[in-house]
């Protein structure tokens, strides 16, 4: 069974028992005519042990499982993650994505090399090792024995 998430305008509305649920974005949009589904939202509730148990119990056995998840923070306190389909007012304008930031322009005379590039002989011409004149004496080429 896949997860079904509550459809709501606020977190308080999403945690109420008996709220409508949907598995997909298309299903959420179809079950809430006149409202625009913004997307899947995850909110975090810092609750006491008793409040968290009551919230999970209010979900019921027949209800959709998984949209309430129980965690602990670093100090051992209970944190409940609530995942829900967030609705927006249909008359509200859609938020335009921000324009991409332009990369900063470097000055034309900027030198992109640093001292690390010139250390350890990376730019020095490599010298060939001198050939040992006695190297060919290892193999007796000239004698006929």
Protein backbone atom coordinates (compact mmCIF):
# COMPACT_ATOMS: atom_id res chain seq x y z
CA UNK A 1 0.00 0.00 0.00
CA UNK A 2 1.42 3.39 -0.94
CA UNK A 3 1.32 6.36 1.38
CA UNK A 4 -1.50 8.87 1.37
CA UNK A 5 -0.90 12.38 2.64
CA UNK A 6 -3.44 14.86 4.08
CA UNK A 7 -4.57 17.77 1.92
CA UNK A 8 -4.62 21.01 3.89
CA UNK A 9 -3.86 24.73 3.89
CA UNK A 10 -1.99 24.66 7.22
CA UNK A 11 -0.16 22.24 9.48
CA UNK A 12 -2.93 22.47 12.09
CA UNK A 13 -5.49 21.45 9.49
CA UNK A 14 -3.26 18.59 8.26
CA UNK A 15 -3.02 17.02 11.73
CA UNK A 16 -6.79 16.99 12.37
CA UNK A 17 -8.49 13.59 12.29
CA UNK A 18 -10.71 12.92 9.27
CA UNK A 19 -8.88 15.22 6.84
CA UNK A 20 -9.00 14.28 3.14
CA UNK A 21 -5.95 12.42 1.87
CA UNK A 22 -4.35 11.77 -1.52
CA UNK A 23 -1.53 9.60 -2.78
CA UNK A 24 -0.44 11.69 -5.79
CA UNK A 25 -0.36 15.34 -6.78
CA UNK A 26 -2.99 14.70 -9.45
CA UNK A 27 -5.26 12.99 -6.95
CA UNK A 28 -4.79 15.87 -4.47
CA UNK A 29 -5.68 18.43 -7.15
CA UNK A 30 -8.76 16.44 -8.21
CA UNK A 31 -10.06 16.07 -4.64
CA UNK A 32 -9.71 19.79 -3.86
CA UNK A 33 -11.43 21.73 -6.67
CA UNK A 34 -11.00 25.48 -6.53
CA UNK A 35 -7.63 25.25 -4.80
CA UNK A 36 -4.15 25.00 -6.20
CA UNK A 37 -1.84 22.31 -4.78
CA UNK A 38 1.57 23.87 -4.14
CA UNK A 39 3.32 20.59 -3.45
CA UNK A 40 4.31 18.14 -0.79
CA UNK A 41 5.34 19.89 2.43
CA UNK A 42 7.13 18.42 5.46
CA UNK A 43 6.80 20.17 8.80
CA UNK A 44 8.41 19.30 12.12
CA UNK A 45 6.56 19.33 15.45
CA UNK A 46 8.44 19.34 18.76
CA UNK A 47 6.04 17.58 21.13
CA UNK A 48 6.03 15.89 24.49
CA UNK A 49 5.84 12.09 24.64
CA UNK A 50 2.11 12.17 25.49
CA UNK A 51 1.23 14.68 22.74
CA UNK A 52 3.10 12.61 20.14
CA UNK A 53 1.34 9.40 21.25
CA UNK A 54 -2.05 11.15 21.08
CA UNK A 55 -1.31 12.51 17.60
CA UNK A 56 -0.27 9.10 16.26
CA UNK A 57 -3.27 7.43 17.96
CA UNK A 58 -5.65 9.98 16.38
CA UNK A 59 -4.40 8.84 12.97
CA UNK A 60 -6.23 5.55 13.55
CA UNK A 61 -5.59 2.09 12.23
CA UNK A 62 -7.74 2.56 9.13
CA UNK A 63 -6.12 5.87 8.17
CA UNK A 64 -3.21 6.27 5.79
CA UNK A 65 0.07 5.28 7.32
CA UNK A 66 3.35 7.06 6.98
CA UNK A 67 2.61 10.75 6.88
CA UNK A 68 3.39 10.99 10.58
CA UNK A 69 6.90 9.89 11.46
CA UNK A 70 8.35 9.95 14.93
CA UNK A 71 11.97 10.89 15.62
CA UNK A 72 14.16 12.08 18.48
CA UNK A 73 16.42 15.11 18.37
CA UNK A 74 19.96 15.19 19.77
CA UNK A 75 18.73 15.88 23.30
CA UNK A 76 16.24 12.99 23.26
CA UNK A 77 13.03 15.02 22.82
CA UNK A 78 10.28 13.72 20.55
CA UNK A 79 9.98 15.27 17.09
CA UNK A 80 7.14 14.34 14.72
CA UNK A 81 7.49 14.91 10.98
CA UNK A 82 4.20 15.61 9.22
CA UNK A 83 4.16 15.31 5.43
CA UNK A 84 1.11 16.85 3.70
CA UNK A 85 -0.14 18.31 0.43
CA UNK A 86 -0.11 22.07 0.83
CA UNK A 87 -2.95 24.03 -0.76
CA UNK A 88 -2.73 27.65 -1.88
CA UNK A 89 -5.44 30.15 -2.69
CA UNK A 90 -6.31 29.73 -6.38
CA UNK A 91 -6.34 33.51 -6.86
CA UNK A 92 -2.87 33.93 -5.40
CA UNK A 93 -0.27 34.53 -8.09
CA UNK A 94 2.22 31.78 -8.70
CA UNK A 95 5.64 32.58 -7.34
CA UNK A 96 8.02 33.18 -10.21
CA UNK A 97 11.34 31.42 -9.89
CA UNK A 98 14.15 33.81 -9.08
CA UNK A 99 16.37 34.69 -12.02
CA UNK A 100 19.70 32.89 -12.06
CA UNK A 101 22.49 34.84 -10.48
CA UNK A 102 25.07 36.13 -12.91
CA UNK A 103 28.60 34.88 -12.26
CA UNK A 104 30.90 37.58 -10.94
CA UNK A 105 33.10 39.04 -13.63
CA UNK A 106 36.83 38.88 -13.03
CA UNK A 107 38.98 41.83 -14.04
CA UNK A 108 40.70 41.39 -17.41
CA UNK A 109 44.16 41.58 -15.86
CA UNK A 110 43.45 39.08 -13.11
CA UNK A 111 46.07 36.38 -12.77
CA UNK A 112 44.52 33.03 -11.86
CA UNK A 113 47.75 31.36 -10.83
CA UNK A 114 49.02 31.37 -7.31
CA UNK A 115 52.22 30.53 -5.49
CA UNK A 116 51.28 26.87 -5.19
CA UNK A 117 51.52 26.52 -8.95
CA UNK A 118 55.12 27.69 -9.02
CA UNK A 119 56.31 25.60 -6.07
CA UNK A 120 57.98 22.25 -6.37
CA UNK A 121 59.30 22.74 -9.88
CA UNK A 122 56.10 22.29 -11.86
CA UNK A 123 57.06 24.99 -14.31
CA UNK A 124 60.78 24.31 -14.52
CA UNK A 125 62.03 22.62 -17.70
CA UNK A 126 62.97 19.05 -16.97
CA UNK A 127 66.59 18.16 -17.62
CA UNK A 128 67.46 14.80 -19.04
CA UNK A 129 69.83 12.79 -16.97
CA UNK A 130 73.24 12.44 -18.56
CA UNK A 131 73.84 9.07 -20.18
CA UNK A 132 76.60 7.07 -18.56
CA UNK A 133 79.29 6.42 -21.20
CA UNK A 134 79.98 3.00 -19.67
CA UNK A 135 76.40 1.87 -20.04
CA UNK A 136 77.02 0.02 -23.28
CA UNK A 137 79.88 -1.87 -21.67
CA UNK A 138 77.32 -3.97 -19.84
CA UNK A 139 76.67 -5.89 -23.02
CA UNK A 140 79.66 -7.26 -24.80
CA UNK A 141 78.76 -6.20 -28.29
CA UNK A 142 82.16 -5.86 -29.91
CA UNK A 143 83.89 -9.06 -28.87
CA UNK A 144 83.25 -12.24 -30.78
CA UNK A 145 83.45 -14.65 -27.92
